[in-house]
Amino acid sequence: MNDVEDPGYQPQFQQYQQQPRQQALGTKFDPIPMKYAKLLPYFLERNLVQTRPPPPIQKKLPARWRPDLFCVFHQGAQGHDVERCFSLKIEVQKLIKDDLIPFEELRFEYAS
């Protein structure tokens, strides 16, 4: 099955692809109890994060680049979505470290 045809499909190797980059930057992300797409509106409403301009498109696209995905955090940039957005994950990790995310409240307010 091709993962482009089924947007709900998540390949088994996805985490492996992110591991080298995380290790290279010394970043480890705490697990969160909801999707980043559910958290982003909360962060934006409270000015905890700001969207970013799209990054320049590289001449050689990385293996993780997906033409069918667009990132709201990067103002609609093509190639990834907020669930795979390394920059957003870094910002969320900072907010977790600073204890600025009330996950218990958010579970009810931003439940699917």
PDB file of N, CA and C in Angstrom:
ATOM      1  N   MET A   1       0.845  -1.184   0.000  1.00  0.00           N
ATOM      2  CA  MET A   1       0.000   0.000   0.000  1.00  0.00           C
ATOM      3  C   MET A   1       0.885   1.241   0.000  1.00  0.00           C
ATOM      4  N   ASN A   2       0.551   2.220  -0.769  1.00  0.00           N
ATOM      5  CA  ASN A   2       1.309   3.450  -0.873  1.00  0.00           C
ATOM      6  C   ASN A   2       0.793   4.439   0.163  1.00  0.00           C
ATOM      7  N   ASP A   3       1.686   5.015   0.989  1.00  0.00           N
ATOM      8  CA  ASP A   3       1.229   5.901   2.050  1.00  0.00           C
ATOM      9  C   ASP A   3       0.708   7.237   1.519  1.00  0.00           C
ATOM     10  N   VAL A   4       0.972   7.575   0.275  1.00  0.00           N
ATOM     11  CA  VAL A   4       0.422   8.799  -0.301  1.00  0.00           C
ATOM     12  C   VAL A   4      -1.072   8.625  -0.565  1.00  0.00           C
ATOM     13  N   GLU A   5      -1.491   7.411  -0.915  1.00  0.00           N
ATOM     14  CA  GLU A   5      -2.899   7.153  -1.198  1.00  0.00           C
ATOM     15  C   GLU A   5      -3.743   7.141   0.065  1.00  0.00           C
ATOM     16  N   ASP A   6      -3.182   6.748   1.201  1.00  0.00           N
ATOM     17  CA  ASP A   6      -3.923   6.644   2.448  1.00  0.00           C
ATOM     18  C   ASP A   6      -3.296   7.595   3.472  1.00  0.00           C
ATOM     19  N   PRO A   7      -3.870   8.808   3.682  1.00  0.00           N
ATOM     20  CA  PRO A   7      -3.257   9.785   4.581  1.00  0.00           C
ATOM     21  C   PRO A   7      -3.205   9.322   6.031  1.00  0.00           C
ATOM     22  N   GLY A   8      -4.009   8.325   6.426  1.00  0.00           N
ATOM     23  CA  GLY A   8      -3.982   7.833   7.788  1.00  0.00           C
ATOM     24  C   GLY A   8      -2.869   6.833   8.043  1.00  0.00           C
ATOM     25  N   TYR A   9      -2.235   6.342   6.984  1.00  0.00           N
ATOM     26  CA  TYR A   9      -1.178   5.350   7.106  1.00  0.00           C
ATOM     27  C   TYR A   9       0.099   5.996   7.622  1.00  0.00           C
ATOM     28  N   GLN A  10       0.703   5.402   8.629  1.00  0.00           N
ATOM     29  CA  GLN A  10       1.963   5.908   9.150  1.00  0.00           C
ATOM     30  C   GLN A  10       3.001   4.801   9.037  1.00  0.00           C
ATOM     31  N   PRO A  11       4.002   4.993   8.204  1.00  0.00           N
ATOM     32  CA  PRO A  11       4.980   3.938   8.004  1.00  0.00           C
ATOM     33  C   PRO A  11       5.738   3.609   9.282  1.00  0.00           C
ATOM     34  N   GLN A  12       6.136   2.341   9.402  1.00  0.00           N
ATOM     35  CA  GLN A  12       6.850   1.887  10.590  1.00  0.00           C
ATOM     36  C   GLN A  12       8.198   2.586  10.746  1.00  0.00           C
ATOM     37  N   PHE A  13       8.794   3.017   9.647  1.00  0.00           N
ATOM     38  CA  PHE A  13      10.117   3.602   9.704  1.00  0.00           C
ATOM     39  C   PHE A  13      10.099   5.104   9.949  1.00  0.00           C
ATOM     40  N   GLN A  14       8.936   5.703  10.116  1.00  0.00           N
ATOM     41  CA  GLN A  14       8.852   7.151  10.305  1.00  0.00           C
ATOM     42  C   GLN A  14       9.680   7.604  11.516  1.00  0.00           C
ATOM     43  N   GLN A  15       9.541   6.931  12.633  1.00  0.00           N
ATOM     44  CA  GLN A  15      10.288   7.320  13.811  1.00  0.00           C
ATOM     45  C   GLN A  15      11.786   7.143  13.583  1.00  0.00           C
ATOM     46  N   TYR A  16      12.170   6.092  12.852  1.00  0.00           N
ATOM     47  CA  TYR A  16      13.575   5.882  12.548  1.00  0.00           C
ATOM     48  C   TYR A  16      14.135   7.065  11.768  1.00  0.00           C
ATOM     49  N   GLN A  17      13.346   7.608  10.846  1.00  0.00           N
ATOM     50  CA  GLN A  17      13.813   8.740  10.052  1.00  0.00           C
ATOM     51  C   GLN A  17      14.060   9.955  10.933  1.00  0.00           C
ATOM     52  N   GLN A  18      13.265  10.136  11.978  1.00  0.00           N
ATOM     53  CA  GLN A  18      13.432  11.299  12.840  1.00  0.00           C
ATOM     54  C   GLN A  18      14.546  11.095  13.852  1.00  0.00           C
ATOM     55  N   GLN A  19      14.838   9.869  14.230  1.00  0.00           N
ATOM     56  CA  GLN A  19      15.838   9.599  15.248  1.00  0.00           C
ATOM     57  C   GLN A  19      17.205  10.215  14.943  1.00  0.00           C
ATOM     58  N   PRO A  20      17.779  10.021  13.745  1.00  0.00           N
ATOM     59  CA  PRO A  20      19.110  10.587  13.510  1.00  0.00           C
ATOM     60  C   PRO A  20      19.141  12.103  13.677  1.00  0.00           C
ATOM     61  N   ARG A  21      18.111  12.785  13.214  1.00  0.00           N
ATOM     62  CA  ARG A  21      18.089  14.245  13.337  1.00  0.00           C
ATOM     63  C   ARG A  21      17.980  14.654  14.800  1.00  0.00           C
ATOM     64  N   GLN A  22      17.113  13.975  15.557  1.00  0.00           N
ATOM     65  CA  GLN A  22      16.973  14.278  16.978  1.00  0.00           C
ATOM     66  C   GLN A  22      18.282  14.032  17.709  1.00  0.00           C
ATOM     67  N   GLN A  23      18.923  12.900  17.419  1.00  0.00           N
ATOM     68  CA  GLN A  23      20.180  12.581  18.084  1.00  0.00           C
ATOM     69  C   GLN A  23      21.267  13.574  17.700  1.00  0.00           C
ATOM     70  N   ALA A  24      21.295  13.981  16.451  1.00  0.00           N
ATOM     71  CA  ALA A  24      22.316  14.916  15.989  1.00  0.00           C
ATOM     72  C   ALA A  24      22.187  16.262  16.702  1.00  0.00           C
ATOM     73  N   LEU A  25      20.952  16.671  16.980  1.00  0.00           N
ATOM     74  CA  LEU A  25      20.726  17.950  17.650  1.00  0.00           C
ATOM     75  C   LEU A  25      20.592  17.798  19.156  1.00  0.00           C
ATOM     76  N   GLY A  26      20.683  16.582  19.650  1.00  0.00           N
ATOM     77  CA  GLY A  26      20.573  16.354  21.084  1.00  0.00           C
ATOM     78  C   GLY A  26      19.178  16.622  21.623  1.00  0.00           C
ATOM     79  N   THR A  27      18.156  16.467  20.801  1.00  0.00           N
ATOM     80  CA  THR A  27      16.791  16.757  21.193  1.00  0.00           C
ATOM     81  C   THR A  27      16.018  15.467  21.384  1.00  0.00           C
ATOM     82  N   LYS A  28      15.359  15.373  22.526  1.00  0.00           N
ATOM     83  CA  LYS A  28      14.464  14.251  22.768  1.00  0.00           C
ATOM     84  C   LYS A  28      13.114  14.859  23.135  1.00  0.00           C
ATOM     85  N   PHE A  29      12.077  14.396  22.478  1.00  0.00           N
ATOM     86  CA  PHE A  29      10.757  14.970  22.689  1.00  0.00           C
ATOM     87  C   PHE A  29       9.939  14.129  23.663  1.00  0.00           C
ATOM     88  N   ASP A  30       9.374  14.795  24.664  1.00  0.00           N
ATOM     89  CA  ASP A  30       8.466  14.111  25.577  1.00  0.00           C
ATOM     90  C   ASP A  30       7.202  13.738  24.819  1.00  0.00           C
ATOM     91  N   PRO A  31       6.613  12.597  25.132  1.00  0.00           N
ATOM     92  CA  PRO A  31       5.343  12.244  24.490  1.00  0.00           C
ATOM     93  C   PRO A  31       4.247  13.196  24.960  1.00  0.00           C
ATOM     94  N   ILE A  32       3.319  13.470  24.073  1.00  0.00           N
ATOM     95  CA  ILE A  32       2.194  14.343  24.433  1.00  0.00           C
ATOM     96  C   ILE A  32       0.901  13.551  24.270  1.00  0.00           C
ATOM     97  N   PRO A  33      -0.141  13.879  25.042  1.00  0.00           N
ATOM     98  CA  PRO A  33      -1.375  13.089  25.030  1.00  0.00           C
ATOM     99  C   PRO A  33      -2.359  13.423  23.919  1.00  0.00           C
ATOM    100  N   MET A  34      -1.959  14.252  22.956  1.00  0.00           N
ATOM    101  CA  MET A  34      -2.841  14.613  21.855  1.00  0.00           C
ATOM    102  C   MET A  34      -2.009  14.991  20.650  1.00  0.00           C
ATOM    103  N   LYS A  35      -2.662  15.194  19.545  1.00  0.00           N
ATOM    104  CA  LYS A  35      -1.969  15.540  18.308  1.00  0.00           C
ATOM    105  C   LYS A  35      -1.516  17.004  18.346  1.00  0.00           C
ATOM    106  N   TYR A  36      -0.412  17.268  17.675  1.00  0.00           N
ATOM    107  CA  TYR A  36       0.100  18.636  17.577  1.00  0.00           C
ATOM    108  C   TYR A  36      -0.915  19.540  16.881  1.00  0.00           C
ATOM    109  N   ALA A  37      -1.660  18.997  15.938  1.00  0.00           N
ATOM    110  CA  ALA A  37      -2.677  19.785  15.232  1.00  0.00           C
ATOM    111  C   ALA A  37      -3.762  20.280  16.184  1.00  0.00           C
ATOM    112  N   LYS A  38      -4.048  19.537  17.239  1.00  0.00           N
ATOM    113  CA  LYS A  38      -5.027  19.973  18.244  1.00  0.00           C
ATOM    114  C   LYS A  38      -4.433  21.020  19.176  1.00  0.00           C
ATOM    115  N   LEU A  39      -3.137  20.935  19.427  1.00  0.00           N
ATOM    116  CA  LEU A  39      -2.476  21.875  20.332  1.00  0.00           C
ATOM    117  C   LEU A  39      -2.185  23.224  19.679  1.00  0.00           C
ATOM    118  N   LEU A  40      -1.886  23.224  18.397  1.00  0.00           N
ATOM    119  CA  LEU A  40      -1.452  24.454  17.741  1.00  0.00           C
ATOM    120  C   LEU A  40      -2.447  25.609  17.886  1.00  0.00           C
ATOM    121  N   PRO A  41      -3.763  25.416  17.693  1.00  0.00           N
ATOM    122  CA  PRO A  41      -4.690  26.544  17.893  1.00  0.00           C
ATOM    123  C   PRO A  41      -4.628  27.116  19.318  1.00  0.00           C
ATOM    124  N   TYR A  42      -4.488  26.252  20.299  1.00  0.00           N
ATOM    125  CA  TYR A  42      -4.361  26.686  21.697  1.00  0.00           C
ATOM    126  C   TYR A  42      -3.130  27.577  21.859  1.00  0.00           C
ATOM    127  N   PHE A  43      -2.004  27.133  21.305  1.00  0.00           N
ATOM    128  CA  PHE A  43      -0.766  27.904  21.408  1.00  0.00           C
ATOM    129  C   PHE A  43      -0.884  29.257  20.710  1.00  0.00           C
ATOM    130  N   LEU A  44      -1.496  29.258  19.534  1.00  0.00           N
ATOM    131  CA  LEU A  44      -1.634  30.505  18.779  1.00  0.00           C
ATOM    132  C   LEU A  44      -2.572  31.484  19.480  1.00  0.00           C
ATOM    133  N   GLU A  45      -3.697  30.994  20.012  1.00  0.00           N
ATOM    134  CA  GLU A  45      -4.648  31.856  20.730  1.00  0.00           C
ATOM    135  C   GLU A  45      -3.994  32.539  21.925  1.00  0.00           C
ATOM    136  N   ARG A  46      -3.080  31.861  22.572  1.00  0.00           N
ATOM    137  CA  ARG A  46      -2.436  32.377  23.786  1.00  0.00           C
ATOM    138  C   ARG A  46      -1.054  32.977  23.513  1.00  0.00           C
ATOM    139  N   ASN A  47      -0.709  33.122  22.257  1.00  0.00           N
ATOM    140  CA  ASN A  47       0.591  33.678  21.857  1.00  0.00           C
ATOM    141  C   ASN A  47       1.773  32.935  22.484  1.00  0.00           C
ATOM    142  N   LEU A  48       1.628  31.630  22.643  1.00  0.00           N
ATOM    143  CA  LEU A  48       2.737  30.828  23.152  1.00  0.00           C
ATOM    144  C   LEU A  48       3.721  30.478  22.038  1.00  0.00           C
ATOM    145  N   VAL A  49       3.232  30.441  20.809  1.00  0.00           N
ATOM    146  CA  VAL A  49       4.076  30.258  19.630  1.00  0.00           C
ATOM    147  C   VAL A  49       3.548  31.168  18.529  1.00  0.00           C
ATOM    148  N   GLN A  50       4.386  31.424  17.566  1.00  0.00           N
ATOM    149  CA  GLN A  50       4.015  32.191  16.378  1.00  0.00           C
ATOM    150  C   GLN A  50       4.307  31.324  15.160  1.00  0.00           C
ATOM    151  N   THR A  51       3.458  31.441  14.139  1.00  0.00           N
ATOM    152  CA  THR A  51       3.763  30.705  12.914  1.00  0.00           C
ATOM    153  C   THR A  51       5.060  31.251  12.328  1.00  0.00           C
ATOM    154  N   ARG A  52       5.663  30.451  11.492  1.00  0.00           N
ATOM    155  CA  ARG A  52       6.937  30.831  10.876  1.00  0.00           C
ATOM    156  C   ARG A  52       6.790  30.844   9.369  1.00  0.00           C
ATOM    157  N   PRO A  53       7.589  31.675   8.710  1.00  0.00           N
ATOM    158  CA  PRO A  53       7.562  31.646   7.246  1.00  0.00           C
ATOM    159  C   PRO A  53       8.054  30.294   6.741  1.00  0.00           C
ATOM    160  N   PRO A  54       7.594  29.902   5.572  1.00  0.00           N
ATOM    161  CA  PRO A  54       8.047  28.621   5.020  1.00  0.00           C
ATOM    162  C   PRO A  54       9.559  28.603   4.841  1.00  0.00           C
ATOM    163  N   PRO A  55      10.188  27.483   5.164  1.00  0.00           N
ATOM    164  CA  PRO A  55      11.632  27.391   4.935  1.00  0.00           C
ATOM    165  C   PRO A  55      11.903  27.327   3.439  1.00  0.00           C
ATOM    166  N   PRO A  56      13.088  27.740   3.021  1.00  0.00           N
ATOM    167  CA  PRO A  56      13.407  27.627   1.591  1.00  0.00           C
ATOM    168  C   PRO A  56      13.416  26.167   1.167  1.00  0.00           C
ATOM    169  N   ILE A  57      12.964  25.924  -0.049  1.00  0.00           N
ATOM    170  CA  ILE A  57      12.966  24.558  -0.571  1.00  0.00           C
ATOM    171  C   ILE A  57      14.383  24.213  -1.003  1.00  0.00           C
ATOM    172  N   GLN A  58      14.866  23.099  -0.504  1.00  0.00           N
ATOM    173  CA  GLN A  58      16.219  22.666  -0.812  1.00  0.00           C
ATOM    174  C   GLN A  58      16.272  22.075  -2.214  1.00  0.00           C
ATOM    175  N   LYS A  59      17.439  22.203  -2.852  1.00  0.00           N
ATOM    176  CA  LYS A  59      17.596  21.620  -4.194  1.00  0.00           C
ATOM    177  C   LYS A  59      17.428  20.113  -4.144  1.00  0.00           C
ATOM    178  N   LYS A  60      18.009  19.486  -3.136  1.00  0.00           N
ATOM    179  CA  LYS A  60      17.839  18.045  -2.952  1.00  0.00           C
ATOM    180  C   LYS A  60      16.887  17.860  -1.771  1.00  0.00           C
ATOM    181  N   LEU A  61      15.704  17.367  -2.066  1.00  0.00           N
ATOM    182  CA  LEU A  61      14.697  17.209  -1.028  1.00  0.00           C
ATOM    183  C   LEU A  61      15.058  16.061  -0.094  1.00  0.00           C
ATOM    184  N   PRO A  62      14.852  16.250   1.224  1.00  0.00           N
ATOM    185  CA  PRO A  62      15.146  15.166   2.162  1.00  0.00           C
ATOM    186  C   PRO A  62      14.184  13.998   1.968  1.00  0.00           C
ATOM    187  N   ALA A  63      14.596  12.824   2.391  1.00  0.00           N
ATOM    188  CA  ALA A  63      13.772  11.617   2.239  1.00  0.00           C
ATOM    189  C   ALA A  63      12.431  11.758   2.943  1.00  0.00           C
ATOM    190  N   ARG A  64      12.370  12.552   4.003  1.00  0.00           N
ATOM    191  CA  ARG A  64      11.127  12.697   4.759  1.00  0.00           C
ATOM    192  C   ARG A  64      10.158  13.698   4.108  1.00  0.00           C
ATOM    193  N   TRP A  65      10.567  14.389   3.055  1.00  0.00           N
ATOM    194  CA  TRP A  65       9.729  15.388   2.386  1.00  0.00           C
ATOM    195  C   TRP A  65       8.552  14.712   1.711  1.00  0.00           C
ATOM    196  N   ARG A  66       7.338  15.230   1.972  1.00  0.00           N
ATOM    197  CA  ARG A  66       6.119  14.627   1.425  1.00  0.00           C
ATOM    198  C   ARG A  66       5.331  15.692   0.654  1.00  0.00           C
ATOM    199  N   PRO A  67       5.169  15.533  -0.651  1.00  0.00           N
ATOM    200  CA  PRO A  67       4.469  16.543  -1.455  1.00  0.00           C
ATOM    201  C   PRO A  67       2.989  16.659  -1.119  1.00  0.00           C
ATOM    202  N   ASP A  68       2.426  15.675  -0.448  1.00  0.00           N
ATOM    203  CA  ASP A  68       0.998  15.692  -0.126  1.00  0.00           C
ATOM    204  C   ASP A  68       0.697  16.335   1.226  1.00  0.00           C
ATOM    205  N   LEU A  69       1.721  16.809   1.937  1.00  0.00           N
ATOM    206  CA  LEU A  69       1.522  17.386   3.265  1.00  0.00           C
ATOM    207  C   LEU A  69       1.869  18.872   3.282  1.00  0.00           C
ATOM    208  N   PHE A  70       1.159  19.610   4.145  1.00  0.00           N
ATOM    209  CA  PHE A  70       1.373  21.047   4.282  1.00  0.00           C
ATOM    210  C   PHE A  70       1.380  21.396   5.770  1.00  0.00           C
ATOM    211  N   CYS A  71       2.258  22.283   6.176  1.00  0.00           N
ATOM    212  CA  CYS A  71       2.447  22.603   7.588  1.00  0.00           C
ATOM    213  C   CYS A  71       1.840  23.969   7.928  1.00  0.00           C
ATOM    214  N   VAL A  72       0.832  23.954   8.784  1.00  0.00           N
ATOM    215  CA  VAL A  72       0.187  25.192   9.226  1.00  0.00           C
ATOM    216  C   VAL A  72       1.181  26.046  10.019  1.00  0.00           C
ATOM    217  N   PHE A  73       2.028  25.426  10.819  1.00  0.00           N
ATOM    218  CA  PHE A  73       3.021  26.158  11.616  1.00  0.00           C
ATOM    219  C   PHE A  73       3.989  26.921  10.715  1.00  0.00           C
ATOM    220  N   HIS A  74       4.289  26.374   9.562  1.00  0.00           N
ATOM    221  CA  HIS A  74       5.151  27.042   8.582  1.00  0.00           C
ATOM    222  C   HIS A  74       4.320  27.706   7.482  1.00  0.00           C
ATOM    223  N   GLN A  75       3.171  28.236   7.868  1.00  0.00           N
ATOM    224  CA  GLN A  75       2.299  29.023   6.991  1.00  0.00           C
ATOM    225  C   GLN A  75       1.977  28.303   5.684  1.00  0.00           C
ATOM    226  N   GLY A  76       1.690  27.017   5.788  1.00  0.00           N
ATOM    227  CA  GLY A  76       1.262  26.246   4.623  1.00  0.00           C
ATOM    228  C   GLY A  76       2.374  25.661   3.783  1.00  0.00           C
ATOM    229  N   ALA A  77       3.588  25.648   4.309  1.00  0.00           N
ATOM    230  CA  ALA A  77       4.717  25.104   3.551  1.00  0.00           C
ATOM    231  C   ALA A  77       4.469  23.647   3.183  1.00  0.00           C
ATOM    232  N   GLN A  78       4.826  23.299   1.980  1.00  0.00           N
ATOM    233  CA  GLN A  78       4.669  21.929   1.491  1.00  0.00           C
ATOM    234  C   GLN A  78       5.836  21.066   1.949  1.00  0.00           C
ATOM    235  N   GLY A  79       5.546  19.778   2.194  1.00  0.00           N
ATOM    236  CA  GLY A  79       6.605  18.826   2.495  1.00  0.00           C
ATOM    237  C   GLY A  79       6.463  18.105   3.815  1.00  0.00           C
ATOM    238  N   HIS A  80       5.710  18.688   4.747  1.00  0.00           N
ATOM    239  CA  HIS A  80       5.462  18.039   6.034  1.00  0.00           C
ATOM    240  C   HIS A  80       4.211  18.657   6.643  1.00  0.00           C
ATOM    241  N   ASP A  81       3.720  18.083   7.722  1.00  0.00           N
ATOM    242  CA  ASP A  81       2.589  18.659   8.436  1.00  0.00           C
ATOM    243  C   ASP A  81       3.010  18.903   9.882  1.00  0.00           C
ATOM    244  N   VAL A  82       2.097  19.438  10.703  1.00  0.00           N
ATOM    245  CA  VAL A  82       2.465  19.773  12.071  1.00  0.00           C
ATOM    246  C   VAL A  82       2.825  18.541  12.899  1.00  0.00           C
ATOM    247  N   GLU A  83       2.300  17.380  12.539  1.00  0.00           N
ATOM    248  CA  GLU A  83       2.636  16.164  13.282  1.00  0.00           C
ATOM    249  C   GLU A  83       4.084  15.759  13.042  1.00  0.00           C
ATOM    250  N   ARG A  84       4.673  16.203  11.957  1.00  0.00           N
ATOM    251  CA  ARG A  84       6.054  15.864  11.611  1.00  0.00           C
ATOM    252  C   ARG A  84       6.958  17.097  11.631  1.00  0.00           C
ATOM    253  N   CYS A  85       6.472  18.187  12.205  1.00  0.00           N
ATOM    254  CA  CYS A  85       7.207  19.454  12.180  1.00  0.00           C
ATOM    255  C   CYS A  85       8.220  19.508  13.319  1.00  0.00           C
ATOM    256  N   PHE A  86       9.473  19.401  12.961  1.00  0.00           N
ATOM    257  CA  PHE A  86      10.557  19.405  13.948  1.00  0.00           C
ATOM    258  C   PHE A  86      10.591  20.730  14.710  1.00  0.00           C
ATOM    259  N   SER A  87      10.391  21.847  14.013  1.00  0.00           N
ATOM    260  CA  SER A  87      10.417  23.163  14.659  1.00  0.00           C
ATOM    261  C   SER A  87       9.304  23.307  15.690  1.00  0.00           C
ATOM    262  N   LEU A  88       8.105  22.846  15.355  1.00  0.00           N
ATOM    263  CA  LEU A  88       6.998  22.919  16.311  1.00  0.00           C
ATOM    264  C   LEU A  88       7.268  22.011  17.506  1.00  0.00           C
ATOM    265  N   LYS A  89       7.808  20.833  17.258  1.00  0.00           N
ATOM    266  CA  LYS A  89       8.110  19.921  18.362  1.00  0.00           C
ATOM    267  C   LYS A  89       9.129  20.535  19.322  1.00  0.00           C
ATOM    268  N   ILE A  90      10.093  21.257  18.799  1.00  0.00           N
ATOM    269  CA  ILE A  90      11.074  21.944  19.648  1.00  0.00           C
ATOM    270  C   ILE A  90      10.363  22.987  20.513  1.00  0.00           C
ATOM    271  N   GLU A  91       9.470  23.764  19.906  1.00  0.00           N
ATOM    272  CA  GLU A  91       8.730  24.784  20.666  1.00  0.00           C
ATOM    273  C   GLU A  91       7.856  24.147  21.748  1.00  0.00           C
ATOM    274  N   VAL A  92       7.180  23.063  21.409  1.00  0.00           N
ATOM    275  CA  VAL A  92       6.339  22.372  22.391  1.00  0.00           C
ATOM    276  C   VAL A  92       7.204  21.822  23.519  1.00  0.00           C
ATOM    277  N   GLN A  93       8.360  21.288  23.195  1.00  0.00           N
ATOM    278  CA  GLN A  93       9.249  20.764  24.228  1.00  0.00           C
ATOM    279  C   GLN A  93       9.667  21.868  25.192  1.00  0.00           C
ATOM    280  N   LYS A  94       9.930  23.062  24.680  1.00  0.00           N
ATOM    281  CA  LYS A  94      10.272  24.198  25.552  1.00  0.00           C
ATOM    282  C   LYS A  94       9.104  24.540  26.468  1.00  0.00           C
ATOM    283  N   LEU A  95       7.881  24.535  25.918  1.00  0.00           N
ATOM    284  CA  LEU A  95       6.701  24.831  26.724  1.00  0.00           C
ATOM    285  C   LEU A  95       6.474  23.768  27.797  1.00  0.00           C
ATOM    286  N   ILE A  96       6.730  22.513  27.464  1.00  0.00           N
ATOM    287  CA  ILE A  96       6.617  21.430  28.446  1.00  0.00           C
ATOM    288  C   ILE A  96       7.641  21.647  29.557  1.00  0.00           C
ATOM    289  N   LYS A  97       8.855  21.958  29.170  1.00  0.00           N
ATOM    290  CA  LYS A  97       9.928  22.171  30.149  1.00  0.00           C
ATOM    291  C   LYS A  97       9.579  23.326  31.090  1.00  0.00           C
ATOM    292  N   ASP A  98       8.959  24.373  30.543  1.00  0.00           N
ATOM    293  CA  ASP A  98       8.582  25.539  31.348  1.00  0.00           C
ATOM    294  C   ASP A  98       7.225  25.365  32.034  1.00  0.00           C
ATOM    295  N   ASP A  99       6.623  24.161  31.897  1.00  0.00           N
ATOM    296  CA  ASP A  99       5.341  23.822  32.530  1.00  0.00           C
ATOM    297  C   ASP A  99       4.225  24.801  32.121  1.00  0.00           C
ATOM    298  N   LEU A 100       4.152  25.106  30.832  1.00  0.00           N
ATOM    299  CA  LEU A 100       3.157  26.055  30.324  1.00  0.00           C
ATOM    300  C   LEU A 100       2.008  25.395  29.570  1.00  0.00           C
ATOM    301  N   ILE A 101       1.952  24.065  29.579  1.00  0.00           N
ATOM    302  CA  ILE A 101       0.881  23.374  28.863  1.00  0.00           C
ATOM    303  C   ILE A 101       0.041  22.578  29.861  1.00  0.00           C
ATOM    304  N   PRO A 102      -1.195  23.020  30.106  1.00  0.00           N
ATOM    305  CA  PRO A 102      -2.078  22.280  31.023  1.00  0.00           C
ATOM    306  C   PRO A 102      -2.778  21.132  30.298  1.00  0.00           C
ATOM    307  N   PHE A 103      -2.076  20.028  30.119  1.00  0.00           N
ATOM    308  CA  PHE A 103      -2.609  18.927  29.321  1.00  0.00           C
ATOM    309  C   PHE A 103      -3.952  18.420  29.833  1.00  0.00           C
ATOM    310  N   GLU A 104      -4.150  18.393  31.143  1.00  0.00           N
ATOM    311  CA  GLU A 104      -5.421  17.881  31.683  1.00  0.00           C
ATOM    312  C   GLU A 104      -6.595  18.733  31.207  1.00  0.00           C
ATOM    313  N   GLU A 105      -6.443  20.055  31.242  1.00  0.00           N
ATOM    314  CA  GLU A 105      -7.503  20.951  30.762  1.00  0.00           C
ATOM    315  C   GLU A 105      -7.703  20.805  29.255  1.00  0.00           C
ATOM    316  N   LEU A 106      -6.605  20.683  28.546  1.00  0.00           N
ATOM    317  CA  LEU A 106      -6.662  20.606  27.096  1.00  0.00           C
ATOM    318  C   LEU A 106      -7.345  19.349  26.601  1.00  0.00           C
ATOM    319  N   ARG A 107      -7.230  18.279  27.332  1.00  0.00           N
ATOM    320  CA  ARG A 107      -7.870  17.025  26.910  1.00  0.00           C
ATOM    321  C   ARG A 107      -9.373  17.210  26.738  1.00  0.00           C
ATOM    322  N   PHE A 108      -9.977  18.021  27.594  1.00  0.00           N
ATOM    323  CA  PHE A 108     -11.416  18.234  27.520  1.00  0.00           C
ATOM    324  C   PHE A 108     -11.758  19.347  26.516  1.00  0.00           C
ATOM    325  N   GLU A 109     -10.979  20.412  26.534  1.00  0.00           N
ATOM    326  CA  GLU A 109     -11.253  21.564  25.674  1.00  0.00           C
ATOM    327  C   GLU A 109     -10.993  21.261  24.203  1.00  0.00           C
ATOM    328  N   TYR A 110      -9.934  20.521  23.919  1.00  0.00           N
ATOM    329  CA  TYR A 110      -9.537  20.265  22.537  1.00  0.00           C
ATOM    330  C   TYR A 110      -9.638  18.789  22.171  1.00  0.00           C
ATOM    331  N   ALA A 111     -10.529  18.086  22.834  1.00  0.00           N
ATOM    332  CA  ALA A 111     -10.736  16.658  22.529  1.00  0.00           C
ATOM    333  C   ALA A 111     -11.242  16.519  21.101  1.00  0.00           C
ATOM    334  N   SER A 112     -10.887  15.386  20.493  1.00  0.00           N
ATOM    335  CA  SER A 112     -11.264  15.144  19.097  1.00  0.00           C
ATOM    336  C   SER A 112     -12.737  15.343  18.925  1.00  0.00           C
TER     337      SER A 112
END
